[in-house]
Amino acid sequence: MPKKPRSPSHTHAVMDESDYRNLALFRKALRSFLAFSEQAARKAGLTPQQHQAVLVIRGFGSEQGVTIGDLASHLLLKPQTVVGLVDRLVEANFVARVPDADDRRRVLLKLTAKAEKILKELSADHLSEIRGDAPRLINLLRHLSIE
């Protein structure tokens, strides 16, 4: 299907029926993945937000850890909200607070072995889900791309 010319401004893009249909299908795919993710996290003993937090800690701080501010930035939350989330993760033995070796004023967050094990299984399931749905998502993205 040939791509139609688009306005350089995203706010004034020319829309046709297929654009609306593809946007709706794409949002449905995102919601389906999120529903899968939330259910998988709960089944593994984590809340969806806890799962997101341990994934960020593992993905961006596996060697040295991440700060509350880093975690808040990745989760798009305020630092004070993340403090409560981290408190619950520490209490459940998913995360440990560790003083930064270079700056003792900073506290870094690191995963426990318990969280590593659960996250490994969850991540494998998530990658399998994504890989199974990737061709459809890629096709939708192609139809939604703006040149």
Protein backbone atom coordinates (compact mmCIF):
# COMPACT_ATOMS: atom_id res chain seq x y z
CA MET A 1 0.00 0.00 0.00
CA PRO A 2 1.59 3.34 -1.03
CA LYS A 3 2.12 5.84 1.71
CA LYS A 4 0.32 9.14 1.40
CA PRO A 5 2.14 12.43 1.92
CA ARG A 6 2.00 13.74 5.47
CA SER A 7 2.11 17.23 6.84
CA PRO A 8 5.37 17.98 8.67
CA SER A 9 3.27 18.94 11.70
CA HIS A 10 1.90 15.93 13.58
CA THR A 11 -1.03 18.03 14.78
CA HIS A 12 -2.23 18.66 11.24
CA ALA A 13 -1.71 15.21 9.71
CA VAL A 14 -4.25 14.19 7.10
CA MET A 15 -6.22 11.26 8.48
CA ASP A 16 -8.21 8.69 6.58
CA GLU A 17 -10.31 5.72 7.71
CA SER A 18 -7.37 3.31 7.62
CA ASP A 19 -5.37 5.61 9.94
CA TYR A 20 -8.14 5.50 12.53
CA ARG A 21 -8.52 1.73 12.16
CA ASN A 22 -4.75 1.15 12.46
CA LEU A 23 -4.47 3.47 15.48
CA ALA A 24 -7.33 1.60 17.16
CA LEU A 25 -5.71 -1.77 16.37
CA PHE A 26 -2.34 -0.57 17.63
CA ARG A 27 -3.83 0.70 20.90
CA LYS A 28 -5.68 -2.60 21.30
CA ALA A 29 -2.40 -4.49 20.81
CA LEU A 30 -0.72 -2.30 23.46
CA ARG A 31 -3.60 -2.83 25.90
CA SER A 32 -3.53 -6.59 25.25
CA PHE A 33 0.19 -6.73 25.98
CA LEU A 34 -0.24 -4.66 29.14
CA ALA A 35 -3.07 -6.92 30.31
CA PHE A 36 -0.86 -9.97 29.68
CA SER A 37 2.01 -8.31 31.55
CA GLU A 38 -0.11 -7.35 34.55
CA GLN A 39 -1.58 -10.85 34.83
CA ALA A 40 1.87 -12.48 34.51
CA ALA A 41 3.31 -10.18 37.19
CA ARG A 42 0.49 -10.94 39.62
CA LYS A 43 0.86 -14.67 38.99
CA ALA A 44 4.58 -14.35 39.81
CA GLY A 45 3.80 -12.56 43.09
CA LEU A 46 4.49 -8.97 42.03
CA THR A 47 2.20 -6.06 41.40
CA PRO A 48 2.48 -4.65 37.86
CA GLN A 49 4.26 -1.58 39.25
CA GLN A 50 6.70 -3.73 41.21
CA HIS A 51 7.43 -5.71 38.05
CA GLN A 52 8.15 -2.52 36.14
CA ALA A 53 10.44 -1.32 38.92
CA VAL A 54 12.51 -4.50 39.15
CA LEU A 55 12.80 -4.56 35.36
CA VAL A 56 14.15 -0.99 35.38
CA ILE A 57 16.59 -1.80 38.17
CA ARG A 58 17.83 -4.89 36.28
CA GLY A 59 17.82 -3.24 32.87
CA PHE A 60 19.60 -0.03 33.82
CA GLY A 61 21.52 -0.81 36.97
CA SER A 62 22.52 -4.46 37.02
CA GLU A 63 26.17 -3.68 37.78
CA GLN A 64 26.02 -0.73 40.14
CA GLY A 65 22.34 -0.20 40.91
CA VAL A 66 20.04 2.74 40.30
CA THR A 67 18.96 5.65 42.46
CA ILE A 68 15.41 6.51 43.48
CA GLY A 69 15.61 9.45 41.05
CA ASP A 70 16.69 7.18 38.17
CA LEU A 71 13.87 4.77 38.93
CA ALA A 72 11.33 7.59 39.18
CA SER A 73 12.48 8.95 35.83
CA HIS A 74 12.11 5.58 34.09
CA LEU A 75 8.72 4.89 35.67
CA LEU A 76 7.48 8.44 34.98
CA LEU A 77 6.64 8.88 38.66
CA LYS A 78 7.54 11.41 41.32
CA PRO A 79 10.47 10.41 43.56
CA GLN A 80 8.28 10.47 46.69
CA THR A 81 5.92 7.96 45.07
CA VAL A 82 8.86 5.71 44.19
CA VAL A 83 10.13 5.78 47.79
CA GLY A 84 6.92 4.03 48.91
CA LEU A 85 7.20 1.52 46.07
CA VAL A 86 10.83 0.78 47.00
CA ASP A 87 9.89 0.43 50.68
CA ARG A 88 7.40 -2.29 49.71
CA LEU A 89 9.98 -3.98 47.43
CA VAL A 90 12.55 -3.99 50.24
CA GLU A 91 9.99 -5.35 52.70
CA ALA A 92 9.15 -8.18 50.27
CA ASN A 93 12.87 -8.95 49.79
CA PHE A 94 12.90 -8.03 46.09
CA VAL A 95 15.23 -5.02 46.39
CA ALA A 96 18.08 -3.99 48.67
CA ARG A 97 19.23 -0.45 49.42
CA VAL A 98 23.02 -0.29 49.16
CA PRO A 99 25.30 2.70 49.89
CA ASP A 100 27.12 3.92 46.76
CA ALA A 101 30.80 2.96 47.09
CA ASP A 102 31.86 6.22 45.39
CA ASP A 103 29.49 8.55 47.23
CA ARG A 104 28.26 7.34 50.62
CA ARG A 105 25.49 9.97 50.58
CA ARG A 106 23.81 8.17 47.68
CA VAL A 107 21.79 5.01 48.07
CA LEU A 108 21.56 2.56 45.19
CA LEU A 109 18.86 -0.01 44.56
CA LYS A 110 19.87 -3.56 43.67
CA LEU A 111 17.81 -6.67 43.07
CA THR A 112 17.91 -9.61 45.42
CA ALA A 113 18.38 -13.17 44.18
CA LYS A 114 14.64 -13.69 44.75
CA ALA A 115 13.78 -10.82 42.38
CA GLU A 116 16.38 -11.92 39.82
CA LYS A 117 14.83 -15.40 39.63
CA ILE A 118 11.26 -14.11 39.27
CA LEU A 119 12.29 -11.45 36.76
CA LYS A 120 14.16 -13.95 34.60
CA GLU A 121 11.04 -16.09 34.25
CA LEU A 122 8.74 -13.11 33.71
CA SER A 123 11.04 -11.58 31.11
CA ALA A 124 11.27 -14.84 29.17
CA ASP A 125 7.47 -15.01 29.09
CA HIS A 126 7.25 -11.36 28.01
CA LEU A 127 9.78 -11.80 25.22
CA SER A 128 7.91 -14.83 23.97
CA GLU A 129 4.66 -12.86 23.95
CA ILE A 130 6.29 -9.94 22.11
CA ARG A 131 8.00 -12.17 19.56
CA GLY A 132 4.73 -13.95 18.84
CA ASP A 133 2.95 -10.66 18.21
CA ALA A 134 5.84 -8.80 16.55
CA PRO A 135 4.86 -9.39 12.90
CA ARG A 136 1.41 -7.92 13.48
CA LEU A 137 2.80 -4.96 15.46
CA ILE A 138 5.47 -4.26 12.85
CA ASN A 139 2.81 -4.27 10.14
CA LEU A 140 0.66 -1.84 12.13
CA LEU A 141 3.64 0.45 12.75
CA ARG A 142 4.47 0.45 9.05
CA HIS A 143 0.95 1.60 8.27
CA LEU A 144 1.15 4.30 10.95
CA SER A 145 4.61 5.60 10.09
CA ILE A 146 4.97 9.19 9.04
CA GLU A 147 7.54 10.18 6.50
